[in-house]
Protein backbone atom coordinates (compact mmCIF):
# COMPACT_ATOMS: atom_id res chain seq x y z
CA MET A 1 29.35 -11.73 28.42
CA GLU A 2 25.88 -10.27 28.79
CA LYS A 3 23.08 -12.51 27.69
CA GLN A 4 21.28 -11.25 24.58
CA GLN A 5 17.58 -10.70 25.05
CA VAL A 6 15.39 -12.34 22.43
CA GLN A 7 12.47 -10.15 21.41
CA GLU A 8 9.30 -12.15 20.99
CA PRO A 9 6.86 -11.36 18.16
CA LEU A 10 3.82 -9.33 19.11
CA LEU A 11 0.90 -11.54 18.17
CA VAL A 12 -2.34 -9.99 19.27
CA ASN A 13 -5.51 -11.96 20.01
CA LEU A 14 -4.03 -15.26 18.87
CA PRO A 15 -5.46 -18.16 20.85
CA ASN A 16 -3.17 -21.03 21.79
CA SER A 17 -0.22 -19.58 19.82
CA PRO A 18 -0.14 -21.79 16.72
CA PRO A 19 3.26 -22.67 15.28
CA SER A 20 4.89 -20.64 12.55
CA SER A 21 4.34 -23.47 10.08
CA PRO A 22 0.77 -24.07 8.88
CA PRO A 23 -0.76 -27.11 10.62
CA LYS A 24 -0.46 -30.30 8.63
CA ARG A 25 -3.76 -30.86 6.96
CA ARG A 26 -4.98 -32.21 3.71
CA VAL A 27 -4.60 -29.37 1.25
CA ARG A 28 -6.34 -29.76 -2.04
CA ALA A 29 -6.31 -27.73 -5.21
CA VAL A 30 -9.33 -27.77 -7.46
CA LEU A 31 -10.17 -26.68 -10.94
CA SER A 32 -10.67 -22.98 -11.44
CA ALA A 33 -14.21 -21.75 -11.76
CA ALA A 34 -15.36 -20.49 -15.15
CA ILE A 35 -14.29 -17.00 -16.02
CA VAL A 36 -16.76 -14.52 -14.57
CA ALA A 37 -18.69 -12.41 -17.02
CA CYS A 38 -17.66 -9.09 -15.59
CA ALA A 39 -14.59 -7.87 -13.76
CA PHE A 40 -14.49 -7.60 -10.00
CA THR A 41 -13.66 -4.14 -8.72
CA TYR A 42 -11.86 -3.13 -5.58
CA PHE A 43 -11.13 0.35 -4.12
CA PHE A 44 -7.72 -3.50 1.58
CA GLY A 45 3.18 -21.33 17.95
CA SER A 46 5.22 -20.28 20.56
CA GLY A 47 7.12 -17.66 18.68
CA PHE A 48 8.67 -17.99 15.24
CA SER A 49 11.91 -19.68 14.24
CA VAL A 50 14.67 -17.35 13.24
CA GLY A 51 16.56 -17.96 10.00
CA ASP A 52 20.25 -18.50 9.51
CA SER A 53 22.61 -15.62 8.97
CA HIS A 54 22.84 -14.21 5.45
CA SER A 55 24.88 -16.31 3.08
CA SER A 56 27.31 -14.90 0.56
CA ASN A 57 25.11 -16.23 -2.22
CA PRO A 58 21.80 -14.45 -1.43
CA VAL A 59 19.50 -17.22 -2.68
CA VAL A 60 20.20 -20.80 -3.68
CA ASP A 61 17.84 -21.96 -6.42
CA ILE A 62 16.02 -25.17 -5.65
CA GLY A 63 14.00 -27.59 -7.74
CA TYR A 64 10.49 -26.48 -8.50
CA THR A 65 7.50 -28.79 -8.16
CA GLU A 66 4.00 -27.75 -9.12
CA GLY A 67 2.31 -29.43 -6.18
CA ASN A 68 -1.11 -31.01 -6.25
CA PHE A 69 -2.76 -28.34 -8.38
CA THR A 70 -5.14 -28.63 -11.29
CA TRP A 71 -4.59 -25.77 -13.72
CA THR A 72 -6.92 -24.83 -16.53
CA LYS A 73 -6.41 -22.28 -19.28
CA CYS A 74 -8.02 -18.92 -18.60
CA TYR A 75 -7.95 -15.38 -19.96
CA GLU A 76 -6.29 -16.64 -23.18
CA LYS A 77 -2.66 -16.90 -22.06
CA TYR A 78 -2.95 -17.67 -18.37
CA GLU A 79 -3.77 -20.65 -16.15
CA CYS A 80 -6.15 -20.59 -13.20
CA SER A 81 -6.65 -22.81 -10.19
CA LYS A 82 -7.89 -22.73 -6.62
CA PHE A 83 -6.21 -23.53 -3.33
CA THR A 84 -8.08 -24.60 -0.22
CA VAL A 85 -7.06 -23.01 3.09
CA PRO A 86 -8.57 -23.07 6.59
CA VAL A 87 -10.50 -20.10 7.89
CA ASP A 88 -8.68 -20.49 11.21
CA TYR A 89 -5.13 -21.87 11.16
CA SER A 90 -5.20 -22.52 14.92
CA ASP A 91 -8.17 -24.91 14.63
CA PRO A 92 -7.43 -28.33 13.04
CA ASP A 93 -11.16 -28.73 12.40
CA SER A 94 -11.64 -25.29 10.88
CA ALA A 95 -13.98 -24.66 7.99
CA THR A 96 -12.17 -24.10 4.68
CA PHE A 97 -12.54 -21.97 1.59
CA ASP A 98 -10.74 -21.50 -1.73
CA LEU A 99 -8.22 -18.88 -2.75
CA ALA A 100 -8.36 -17.87 -6.42
CA LEU A 101 -5.02 -18.31 -8.22
CA ILE A 102 -3.69 -17.29 -11.61
CA ARG A 103 -0.28 -17.85 -13.14
CA LEU A 104 1.77 -17.14 -16.23
CA LYS A 105 4.28 -19.94 -16.59
CA ALA A 106 8.00 -19.30 -16.85
CA THR A 107 9.39 -19.19 -20.36
CA GLN A 108 12.77 -20.57 -19.31
CA LYS A 109 13.17 -24.35 -19.41
CA VAL A 110 13.93 -24.48 -15.68
CA SER A 111 11.68 -22.31 -13.52
CA LYS A 112 12.86 -20.74 -10.29
CA GLY A 113 9.36 -21.38 -8.92
CA PRO A 114 6.45 -19.07 -8.22
CA LEU A 115 6.93 -15.32 -7.78
CA PHE A 116 3.96 -14.25 -5.69
CA VAL A 117 2.74 -10.71 -6.46
CA ASN A 118 0.39 -8.39 -4.58
CA PRO A 119 -0.69 -4.97 -5.91
CA GLY A 120 -1.61 -3.40 -2.58
CA GLY A 121 -4.91 -2.01 -1.38
CA PRO A 122 -5.69 -3.48 1.03
CA GLY A 123 -8.31 -5.27 -0.98
CA GLY A 124 -6.32 -5.36 -4.20
CA SER A 125 -6.55 -8.38 -6.48
CA GLY A 126 -3.44 -10.31 -7.39
CA VAL A 127 -5.47 -12.09 -10.04
CA ASP A 128 -6.28 -8.78 -11.70
CA LEU A 129 -2.65 -7.67 -11.50
CA VAL A 130 -1.40 -10.77 -13.30
CA LYS A 131 -4.23 -10.57 -15.87
CA GLY A 132 -3.19 -7.01 -16.63
CA ALA A 133 0.58 -7.25 -16.50
CA GLY A 134 1.72 -10.83 -15.90
CA ASP A 135 3.64 -10.86 -19.16
CA VAL A 136 5.39 -7.59 -18.25
CA ILE A 137 6.46 -8.98 -14.87
CA SER A 138 7.65 -12.15 -16.60
CA LYS A 139 9.66 -10.06 -19.05
CA HIS A 140 11.12 -8.17 -16.10
CA VAL A 141 12.60 -11.42 -14.75
CA ASN A 142 13.59 -12.91 -18.14
CA GLY A 143 10.91 -15.58 -17.82
CA HIS A 144 12.69 -17.29 -14.92
CA TYR A 145 9.62 -17.43 -12.64
CA ASP A 146 6.02 -18.52 -12.81
CA ILE A 147 4.20 -15.25 -12.11
CA LEU A 148 1.64 -16.16 -9.45
CA GLY A 149 -1.26 -13.89 -8.51
CA PHE A 150 -3.87 -14.64 -5.88
CA ASP A 151 -6.84 -12.85 -4.41
CA PRO A 152 -6.22 -12.55 -0.66
CA ARG A 153 -8.88 -13.90 1.68
CA GLY A 154 -11.96 -11.68 1.72
CA VAL A 155 -11.06 -10.15 -1.65
CA GLY A 156 -12.33 -10.71 -5.18
CA SER A 157 -12.91 -14.40 -5.86
CA SER A 158 -11.43 -15.58 -2.54
CA LYS A 159 -14.54 -15.59 -0.35
CA THR A 160 -15.13 -11.90 -0.89
CA ILE A 161 -16.84 -10.00 1.91
CA GLN A 162 -20.41 -9.56 0.69
CA CYS A 163 -22.46 -6.98 2.56
CA PHE A 164 -25.56 -7.09 0.37
CA LYS A 165 -27.73 -9.70 -1.24
CA ASP A 166 -26.42 -8.65 -4.65
CA GLY A 167 -24.88 -5.76 -6.51
CA THR A 168 -28.24 -4.15 -7.23
CA GLU A 169 -29.02 -3.89 -3.52
CA SER A 170 -25.57 -2.42 -2.99
CA LYS A 171 -26.13 0.21 -5.67
CA PHE A 172 -29.43 1.25 -4.11
CA PHE A 173 -27.87 1.57 -0.65
CA LEU A 174 -24.91 3.58 -1.90
CA ALA A 175 -26.88 5.79 -4.31
CA ASN A 176 -25.97 9.46 -3.81
CA ARG A 177 -23.60 8.52 -0.99
CA ARG A 178 -19.89 9.23 -1.31
CA PHE A 179 -17.22 7.50 0.70
CA PHE A 180 -15.30 10.78 0.63
CA MET A 181 -17.29 13.52 2.34
CA ASN A 182 -17.69 16.92 0.75
CA TYR A 183 -16.66 20.03 2.62
CA GLY A 184 -19.63 21.47 4.51
CA ASP A 185 -21.34 18.10 4.94
CA SER A 186 -22.06 16.82 8.42
CA ILE A 187 -19.49 14.35 9.65
CA VAL A 188 -22.10 12.93 12.02
CA ASN A 189 -24.48 12.20 9.14
CA HIS A 190 -21.65 10.80 7.03
CA ALA A 191 -20.49 8.56 9.86
CA SER A 192 -24.05 7.40 10.54
CA TRP A 193 -24.59 5.74 7.16
CA GLN A 194 -21.05 4.34 7.24
CA ALA A 195 -21.85 2.78 10.62
CA ASP A 196 -25.02 1.23 9.16
CA LEU A 197 -23.01 -0.20 6.28
CA VAL A 198 -20.39 -1.70 8.61
CA ALA A 199 -23.06 -3.21 10.86
CA GLN A 200 -24.60 -4.95 7.86
CA CYS A 201 -21.20 -6.20 6.69
CA ILE A 202 -20.37 -7.60 10.11
CA ASP A 203 -23.77 -9.25 10.45
CA LYS A 204 -23.40 -11.06 7.13
CA ASN A 205 -19.75 -12.07 7.69
CA LYS A 206 -19.36 -12.33 11.47
CA ASP A 207 -17.80 -15.81 11.35
CA PHE A 208 -15.23 -14.82 8.74
CA VAL A 209 -14.23 -11.16 9.25
CA PRO A 210 -11.99 -11.88 12.28
CA TYR A 211 -9.87 -14.05 9.96
CA VAL A 212 -9.09 -11.57 7.14
CA SER A 213 -6.15 -9.89 8.86
CA THR A 214 -2.81 -9.54 7.12
CA ALA A 215 -1.31 -12.14 9.45
CA ALA A 216 -3.83 -14.69 8.14
CA VAL A 217 -2.92 -13.80 4.54
CA ALA A 218 0.75 -14.30 5.40
CA ARG A 219 -0.12 -17.81 6.59
CA ASP A 220 -1.93 -18.41 3.29
CA ILE A 221 1.23 -17.46 1.39
CA ASP A 222 3.29 -19.86 3.45
CA ALA A 223 0.74 -22.62 2.92
CA MET A 224 1.01 -22.04 -0.84
CA ARG A 225 4.80 -22.11 -0.60
CA GLU A 226 4.59 -25.48 1.08
CA ALA A 227 2.05 -26.82 -1.41
CA PHE A 228 4.32 -25.81 -4.30
CA GLY A 229 7.14 -27.74 -2.67
CA GLN A 230 9.29 -24.66 -2.19
CA GLU A 231 11.84 -24.12 0.55
CA LEU A 232 11.69 -20.33 0.18
CA THR A 233 9.10 -17.72 -0.77
CA ASN A 234 9.74 -15.24 -3.60
CA TYR A 235 7.48 -12.19 -3.54
CA TRP A 236 7.01 -8.73 -5.05
CA GLY A 237 4.53 -6.55 -3.17
CA PHE A 238 3.50 -2.98 -3.89
CA SER A 239 2.12 -0.40 -1.46
CA TYR A 240 -0.03 -2.19 1.16
CA GLY A 241 1.56 -5.33 -0.26
CA THR A 242 4.72 -4.16 1.52
CA PHE A 243 2.94 -4.49 4.88
CA LEU A 244 1.89 -7.98 3.87
CA GLY A 245 5.48 -8.69 2.87
CA ALA A 246 6.95 -7.21 6.06
CA THR A 247 4.50 -9.31 8.08
CA TYR A 248 5.41 -12.48 6.18
CA VAL A 249 9.19 -12.10 6.44
CA ASN A 250 8.94 -11.55 10.20
CA MET A 251 6.49 -14.37 10.82
CA PHE A 252 8.46 -16.78 8.64
CA PRO A 253 12.02 -15.38 8.53
CA ASP A 254 13.66 -18.70 7.68
CA ARG A 255 11.56 -19.02 4.51
CA VAL A 256 12.49 -15.71 2.91
CA GLY A 257 13.85 -16.01 -0.62
CA ARG A 258 13.87 -13.02 -2.94
CA VAL A 259 11.38 -10.54 -1.53
CA ILE A 260 10.79 -7.00 -2.83
CA LEU A 261 8.75 -4.45 -0.87
CA ASP A 262 8.07 -1.67 -3.39
CA GLY A 263 6.52 1.56 -2.09
CA VAL A 264 6.92 0.82 1.61
CA THR A 265 4.22 1.78 4.08
CA ASP A 266 5.55 2.01 7.62
CA PRO A 267 4.45 -1.26 9.25
CA SER A 268 4.74 0.16 12.75
CA THR A 269 2.19 2.89 12.01
CA PHE A 270 -0.04 0.79 9.73
CA SER A 271 -0.49 -1.67 12.60
CA GLY A 272 -0.88 1.20 15.08
CA GLU A 273 -3.16 4.19 15.47
CA LEU A 274 -5.14 5.02 12.32
CA VAL A 275 -4.82 8.82 12.44
CA ASN A 276 -1.08 8.62 13.03
CA TRP A 277 -0.73 6.34 9.98
CA ILE A 278 -2.72 8.83 7.87
CA LYS A 279 -0.53 11.71 9.04
CA THR A 280 2.76 9.91 8.36
CA SER A 281 1.64 8.53 4.99
CA LEU A 282 0.71 11.82 3.33
CA ILE A 283 3.76 13.95 4.10
CA HIS A 284 4.79 14.25 0.42
CA THR A 285 1.37 14.57 -1.23
CA GLU A 286 1.60 18.35 -1.50
CA ASP A 287 5.19 18.01 -2.72
CA GLY A 288 3.79 15.86 -5.52
CA LEU A 289 1.29 18.57 -6.44
CA ASP A 290 4.03 21.22 -6.40
CA GLY A 291 6.19 18.99 -8.60
CA PHE A 292 3.29 18.49 -11.00
CA GLY A 293 3.00 22.28 -11.31
CA ALA A 294 6.72 22.98 -11.68
CA TYR A 295 7.30 20.35 -14.36
CA CYS A 296 4.13 21.41 -16.18
CA GLU A 297 5.39 24.99 -16.35
CA ALA A 298 8.80 23.79 -17.55
CA ALA A 299 7.26 21.61 -20.26
CA GLY A 300 5.17 24.45 -21.66
CA PRO A 301 1.62 24.53 -23.09
CA GLU A 302 2.42 22.14 -25.95
CA LYS A 303 3.01 19.33 -23.45
CA CYS A 304 0.95 20.51 -20.47
CA ALA A 305 -2.41 22.16 -21.03
CA LEU A 306 -2.22 24.16 -17.79
CA ALA A 307 1.13 25.80 -18.64
CA ASN A 308 -0.46 29.07 -19.77
CA ARG A 309 0.41 31.84 -17.35
CA GLU A 310 -2.21 34.19 -18.81
CA LYS A 311 -5.01 31.79 -17.86
CA ALA A 312 -3.75 31.13 -14.34
CA LEU A 313 -6.16 31.65 -11.45
CA ALA A 314 -3.55 32.19 -8.74
CA PHE A 315 0.17 32.76 -8.22
CA GLU A 316 2.81 32.01 -5.61
CA GLY A 317 5.94 33.88 -6.65
CA ASP A 318 6.85 32.62 -10.12
CA ARG A 319 4.68 29.50 -9.75
CA PHE A 320 1.15 29.42 -11.12
CA VAL A 321 0.02 25.85 -11.99
CA ALA A 322 -0.08 24.36 -8.49
CA PRO A 323 -1.54 27.59 -7.05
CA THR A 324 -4.21 27.51 -9.77
CA LEU A 325 -5.16 23.93 -8.91
CA ARG A 326 -5.39 24.70 -5.20
CA HIS A 327 -7.42 27.84 -5.86
CA TYR A 328 -9.80 25.92 -8.13
CA LEU A 329 -10.31 23.21 -5.49
CA ASP A 330 -11.15 25.89 -2.93
CA TYR A 331 -13.60 27.45 -5.38
CA LEU A 332 -15.36 24.13 -5.95
CA VAL A 333 -16.24 23.77 -2.27
CA ASP A 334 -19.12 26.21 -2.79
CA HIS A 335 -19.41 25.96 -6.58
CA PRO A 336 -19.85 22.37 -7.81
CA ILE A 337 -19.78 21.94 -11.56
CA LYS A 338 -22.29 20.32 -13.87
CA THR A 339 -21.98 17.67 -16.54
CA LYS A 340 -23.29 17.76 -20.09
CA ASN A 341 -24.02 14.05 -20.02
CA LEU A 342 -27.36 13.75 -18.25
CA THR A 343 -27.07 9.96 -18.06
CA ALA A 344 -24.17 10.38 -15.64
CA SER A 345 -24.20 12.06 -12.25
CA GLY A 346 -25.32 15.61 -12.92
CA THR A 347 -23.00 17.29 -10.44
CA VAL A 348 -19.28 17.02 -9.83
CA MET A 349 -18.37 17.92 -6.27
CA GLN A 350 -15.10 19.21 -4.87
CA ALA A 351 -14.38 15.80 -3.33
CA ASP A 352 -14.69 14.19 -6.79
CA VAL A 353 -12.19 16.60 -8.32
CA ALA A 354 -9.79 16.28 -5.38
CA THR A 355 -9.97 12.49 -5.72
CA ALA A 356 -9.13 12.69 -9.43
CA LEU A 357 -6.16 14.97 -8.83
CA PHE A 358 -4.89 12.85 -5.94
CA ALA A 359 -5.23 9.64 -7.97
CA SER A 360 -3.24 11.19 -10.82
CA LEU A 361 -0.29 11.76 -8.49
CA TYR A 362 0.17 7.97 -8.34
CA ASN A 363 1.15 7.73 -12.00
CA VAL A 364 3.28 10.39 -13.70
CA ALA A 365 2.18 9.09 -17.10
CA LYS A 366 -1.32 10.40 -16.26
CA TRP A 367 -0.16 13.96 -15.64
CA PRO A 368 -0.68 15.31 -19.17
CA ARG A 369 -4.21 13.95 -19.22
CA ILE A 370 -5.24 15.34 -15.84
CA ALA A 371 -3.83 18.71 -16.91
CA GLU A 372 -6.09 18.64 -19.99
CA ILE A 373 -9.09 17.70 -17.83
CA PHE A 374 -8.50 20.61 -15.42
CA GLU A 375 -7.87 23.07 -18.25
CA GLU A 376 -11.16 22.18 -19.92
CA ALA A 377 -13.15 22.24 -16.68
CA ILE A 378 -11.78 25.64 -15.71
CA ALA A 379 -12.51 27.01 -19.19
CA THR A 380 -15.99 25.50 -19.66
CA SER A 381 -17.29 24.88 -16.11
CA TYR A 382 -18.23 21.32 -17.10
CA GLY A 383 -16.91 18.26 -15.29
CA ASP A 384 -17.70 15.33 -17.58
CA LYS A 385 -14.05 14.37 -17.99
CA PHE A 386 -13.52 14.23 -14.24
CA LEU A 387 -16.26 11.62 -14.01
CA SER A 388 -14.78 9.72 -16.94
CA PHE A 389 -11.38 9.73 -15.26
CA LEU A 390 -12.84 8.37 -12.01
CA GLN A 391 -15.19 5.87 -13.63
CA GLU A 392 -13.01 4.51 -16.44
CA THR A 393 -12.06 1.39 -14.48
CA GLN A 394 -15.56 0.66 -13.20
CA ASP A 395 -17.74 -1.98 -14.78
CA ASP A 396 -21.50 -1.48 -14.74
CA SER A 397 -22.28 -4.63 -16.68
CA CYS A 398 -24.59 -7.22 -15.22
CA PRO A 399 -24.49 -8.45 -12.53
CA LEU A 400 -23.58 -5.31 -10.65
CA VAL A 401 -20.73 -5.81 -8.23
CA GLU A 402 -19.96 -4.31 -4.86
CA PRO A 403 -17.35 -1.56 -4.48
CA TYR A 404 -13.75 -2.17 -3.57
CA PHE A 405 -14.08 -0.44 -0.20
CA LEU A 406 -15.94 -3.37 1.30
CA SER A 407 -12.86 -5.51 0.89
CA ALA A 408 -10.40 -2.80 1.92
CA THR A 409 -11.78 -1.46 5.16
CA PRO A 410 -12.20 -4.71 7.09
CA ILE A 411 -8.52 -5.52 6.53
CA LEU A 412 -7.33 -1.98 7.16
CA CYS A 413 -9.43 -1.52 10.27
CA ILE A 414 -8.73 -4.78 12.07
CA ASP A 415 -4.99 -4.60 11.33
CA GLY A 416 -4.72 -1.22 13.07
CA THR A 417 -6.17 0.48 16.12
CA HIS A 418 -8.07 3.66 16.96
CA GLN A 419 -7.82 3.74 20.74
CA ASP A 420 -6.52 7.33 20.77
CA GLN A 421 -9.64 8.50 18.92
CA PRO A 422 -12.40 6.08 19.96
CA ASP A 423 -15.39 8.18 18.84
CA ILE A 424 -16.40 10.38 15.96
CA GLU A 425 -15.80 13.65 17.83
CA SER A 426 -12.19 12.89 18.82
CA TYR A 427 -11.46 11.21 15.49
CA TRP A 428 -12.67 14.10 13.36
CA ALA A 429 -10.91 16.65 15.57
CA ALA A 430 -7.66 14.74 15.00
CA ILE A 431 -8.28 14.71 11.24
CA GLN A 432 -8.85 18.46 11.26
CA ASP A 433 -5.59 18.96 13.17
CA ALA A 434 -3.81 16.92 10.48
CA MET A 435 -5.24 18.94 7.56
CA PRO A 436 -2.17 21.19 7.10
CA ILE A 437 -0.11 18.09 6.21
CA SER A 438 -2.09 17.72 2.98
CA PRO A 439 -5.24 19.76 2.36
CA LEU A 440 -5.66 17.78 -0.88
CA SER A 441 -5.86 14.34 0.70
CA VAL A 442 -6.25 14.32 4.50
CA HIS A 443 -9.93 15.31 4.36
CA ASN A 444 -10.77 12.58 1.86
CA TRP A 445 -8.74 9.89 3.60
CA GLY A 446 -10.15 10.88 6.98
CA SER A 447 -13.77 10.79 5.86
CA GLY A 448 -13.26 7.61 3.86
CA MET A 449 -11.64 5.74 6.75
CA VAL A 450 -14.17 6.79 9.38
CA GLN A 451 -15.57 3.28 8.94
CA CYS A 452 -12.79 1.99 11.18
CA LEU A 453 -14.58 3.44 14.21
CA TYR A 454 -17.37 0.92 13.61
CA TRP A 455 -15.49 -2.22 12.62
CA ASN A 456 -15.75 -3.50 16.18
CA VAL A 457 -14.21 -6.83 15.28
CA THR A 458 -11.20 -8.32 17.01
CA ALA A 459 -8.78 -10.02 14.66
CA ALA A 460 -8.16 -13.64 15.53
CA GLU A 461 -4.50 -12.93 14.83
CA ARG A 462 -2.82 -9.59 14.26
CA TYR A 463 0.91 -9.13 13.75
CA ALA A 464 2.21 -5.82 15.08
CA GLY A 465 5.95 -6.47 15.25
CA PRO A 466 8.74 -6.76 16.04
CA TRP A 467 10.16 -6.17 12.57
CA ASN A 468 13.75 -7.24 13.20
CA HIS A 469 13.78 -11.03 12.82
CA LYS A 470 16.90 -12.28 11.08
CA THR A 471 15.70 -13.40 7.65
CA LYS A 472 17.19 -16.20 5.56
CA ASN A 473 17.98 -13.72 2.79
CA LYS A 474 18.02 -9.95 2.58
CA VAL A 475 14.83 -8.13 1.57
CA LEU A 476 14.90 -5.34 -1.04
CA LEU A 477 13.06 -2.20 0.13
CA ILE A 478 12.19 0.44 -2.49
CA GLY A 479 11.01 3.97 -1.78
CA ALA A 480 10.30 6.75 -4.26
CA THR A 481 11.41 10.18 -3.06
CA MET A 482 8.14 11.97 -3.88
CA ASP A 483 5.67 9.13 -3.40
CA PRO A 484 2.32 10.72 -2.42
CA VAL A 485 1.17 7.92 -0.06
CA THR A 486 4.12 5.73 0.94
CA PRO A 487 6.88 8.23 1.68
CA VAL A 488 10.50 7.37 1.08
CA GLU A 489 11.12 7.83 4.81
CA SER A 490 9.06 4.69 5.46
CA ALA A 491 11.44 2.53 3.43
CA ALA A 492 14.43 4.03 5.22
CA LYS A 493 12.74 3.45 8.57
CA LEU A 494 11.95 -0.18 7.76
CA GLU A 495 15.60 -0.73 6.83
CA ASP A 496 16.48 0.46 10.34
CA LEU A 497 13.74 -1.63 11.95
CA MET A 498 14.93 -4.77 10.14
CA GLU A 499 18.44 -4.38 11.59
CA GLY A 500 20.38 -5.74 8.63
CA SER A 501 17.75 -7.97 7.04
CA GLY A 502 16.54 -5.28 4.66
CA VAL A 503 18.37 -3.08 2.14
CA PHE A 504 16.82 0.26 1.18
CA HIS A 505 17.03 1.40 -2.45
CA LYS A 506 16.13 5.05 -3.04
CA HIS A 507 14.26 5.69 -6.30
CA GLU A 508 14.35 9.36 -7.29
CA GLY A 509 11.05 10.43 -8.76
CA TYR A 510 7.37 11.13 -8.41
CA GLY A 511 4.44 8.75 -8.46
CA HIS A 512 3.59 5.77 -6.27
CA CYS A 513 6.10 2.92 -5.94
CA SER A 514 8.92 2.45 -8.44
CA VAL A 515 6.39 2.04 -11.26
CA GLY A 516 4.85 5.49 -10.72
CA GLN A 517 7.76 7.02 -12.63
CA PRO A 518 9.98 4.12 -13.70
CA SER A 519 13.66 4.30 -14.51
CA LYS A 520 16.13 2.07 -16.30
CA CYS A 521 18.37 2.12 -13.25
CA THR A 522 15.80 0.90 -10.69
CA SER A 523 14.41 -1.63 -13.15
CA LYS A 524 17.89 -3.10 -13.41
CA VAL A 525 18.22 -3.25 -9.61
CA ILE A 526 14.93 -5.20 -9.47
CA HIS A 527 15.94 -7.48 -12.34
CA ASP A 528 19.38 -8.25 -10.90
CA TYR A 529 17.93 -8.99 -7.47
CA LEU A 530 15.18 -11.33 -8.67
CA VAL A 531 17.11 -13.06 -11.45
CA ASP A 532 20.67 -13.15 -10.15
CA GLY A 533 20.15 -12.69 -6.42
CA LYS A 534 22.28 -9.53 -6.44
CA VAL A 535 21.51 -7.45 -3.35
CA PRO A 536 22.34 -3.73 -3.79
CA GLU A 537 24.80 -2.09 -1.44
CA LYS A 538 23.55 0.01 1.46
CA GLY A 539 22.87 3.52 0.19
CA SER A 540 21.73 2.29 -3.24
CA GLU A 541 20.12 5.09 -5.24
CA CYS A 542 18.88 5.75 -8.78
CA PRO A 543 18.25 9.19 -10.33
CA MET A 544 15.20 10.37 -12.22
CA GLU A 545 15.88 9.67 -15.89
CA VAL A 546 12.95 11.21 -17.75
CA ALA A 547 11.23 14.36 -16.48
CA PRO A 548 7.43 14.42 -16.07
CA PHE A 549 5.58 15.51 -19.23
CA GLU A 550 8.50 14.18 -21.28
CA THR A 551 8.27 10.73 -22.88
CA ASP A 552 10.63 8.23 -24.43
CA ALA A 553 8.49 5.28 -25.48
CA SER A 554 11.44 3.55 -27.13
CA LEU A 555 13.55 3.48 -23.96
CA GLN A 556 15.24 0.09 -23.70
CA LEU A 557 15.45 -0.64 -19.99
CA LEU A 558 17.58 -3.75 -19.80
CA ASP A 559 20.19 -5.30 -22.03
CA LYS A 560 19.03 -8.87 -21.42
CA ASN A 561 15.40 -8.49 -22.44
CA ASP A 562 13.08 -6.25 -24.41
CA LEU A 563 11.38 -4.53 -21.47
CA ASN A 564 10.68 -0.89 -22.33
CA SER A 565 8.94 2.12 -20.85
CA HIS A 566 5.62 1.20 -22.48
CA ASP A 567 5.75 -2.14 -20.64
CA LEU A 568 6.25 -0.38 -17.33
CA THR A 569 3.37 1.96 -18.11
CA ILE A 570 1.20 -1.14 -18.48
CA LEU A 571 2.57 -2.50 -15.20
CA ALA A 572 1.85 0.77 -13.38
CA GLU A 573 -1.70 0.96 -14.71
CA SER A 574 -2.31 -2.68 -13.81
CA VAL A 575 -0.95 -2.24 -10.28
CA PHE A 576 -3.08 0.83 -9.60
CA LYS A 577 -6.19 -0.61 -11.21
CA ALA A 578 -5.85 -3.80 -9.19
CA GLN A 579 -5.37 -1.75 -6.02
CA ARG A 580 -8.57 0.23 -6.22
CA VAL A 581 -11.38 1.40 -8.44
CA GLY A 582 -13.24 4.67 -7.85
CA GLY A 583 -11.15 5.70 -4.87
CA SER A 584 -7.80 5.51 -3.20
CA LEU A 585 -6.28 3.93 -0.13
CA LEU A 586 -2.87 2.44 -0.89
């Protein structure tokens, strides 16, 4: 019998190969800091032990202990605490810092333990997600779990990466500078100020930035699991949170409980070449725009403001809404529009409008509103509502805070590589070659992520596969068929990469993740998996139940609780708000 070859995990730049379990150290939990006055905003051993084969009962519930935590009431119905972790898990004498935690306690008498949640990003705040929708997630699982949100290292209140003395200095530096470059602008000039920003960020955080990789966050999750006295980790991650989840389950396969990766980004490309990840992530963005147009036309002008053929600007056969939007975006390249509100930015550029349209594709519930905004702008040539749409989640109260991007790009850039395009000339040429994949989004993503060329920081630890470790329990992988940024093909691919440890569930619909256009069917799959440990069969699939531009606010999603479509709208808005403000990565 031929000897089976064991594939070792690819751990890059990890000195002395620390063990898969966090080093034994005194771990303390301290009282949460007082609630901040204004919201944070965000725009990212010698091998590992392999778990036992899958049991017939997917997860065995174990007793839940709260660990040595001090919880204090916060945000009215929640509890907050902090958890001390080392900067460097491979150094027993490492400096430490605190992770910010928030929880909504289980409503059942016996809790199944913490359900860790991550909204994505990278740079998204788990604290913000639970603040916005912790009760909805709890309702989704019949109150069986403590819903546990945390800000990952380098994000929000967990030693956030500060690049300026304060928010005021940040605002001055970024004044009249857009992370997404307008057509016709010089990529060299755009890259120049981005390089200056990165250099300042690195200078102020040089001892910490190498330790904000996703692999380090996975170790933080496992340290929290241990501190809570749990044998297994339960987790629900959206978008980039699926890369965090895929990293965790392969670094710690024998500690996998009930884990959902919702809106899967391909971990093999996310941890690989940046341009290739951009190209493979945006393959359905234009399909989303076409779907927006087709369903708008079908709904008619009473439900979609753009569904007036007589006012269309362009046609492609019988279609006119999507062609009108594309034509208008082309027009705006040389014809920016003004705003009536002189206290706001006086000019709305094409990149601003493209960002608003792209962001709306994440959440089907936003489609009627974005249609109204476009209809008014086309009719009046004023862009005030575009700015309102982009700025509605920003907080300009005092003190001013730094933008989300400064948390996202360090994580994004040190997790991946850009060896194929090492300079601005080759990088931008590759972005231009990728433009036909999605004219709406490739230009913005490419100009926004140019920072990665200048994050010349080597991660202390970077996990780049393999993705096929045998996990203790099967992982649920969810992909939406018309997701604009995490294509359904990525979930199917990860199922193949995991070689039996993951089960792919296909969610028919538009929007980002299963919450972008929720359904009763997929919600039940999630509920049954988390509450009862029921793993769907291979080939699991749910149809679209309510067409875009149609609503059914009274839809009762599950028989065992009162979760309805309005709840899932709140969950979607909370996920996307926690992911990013004023821009879009994952």
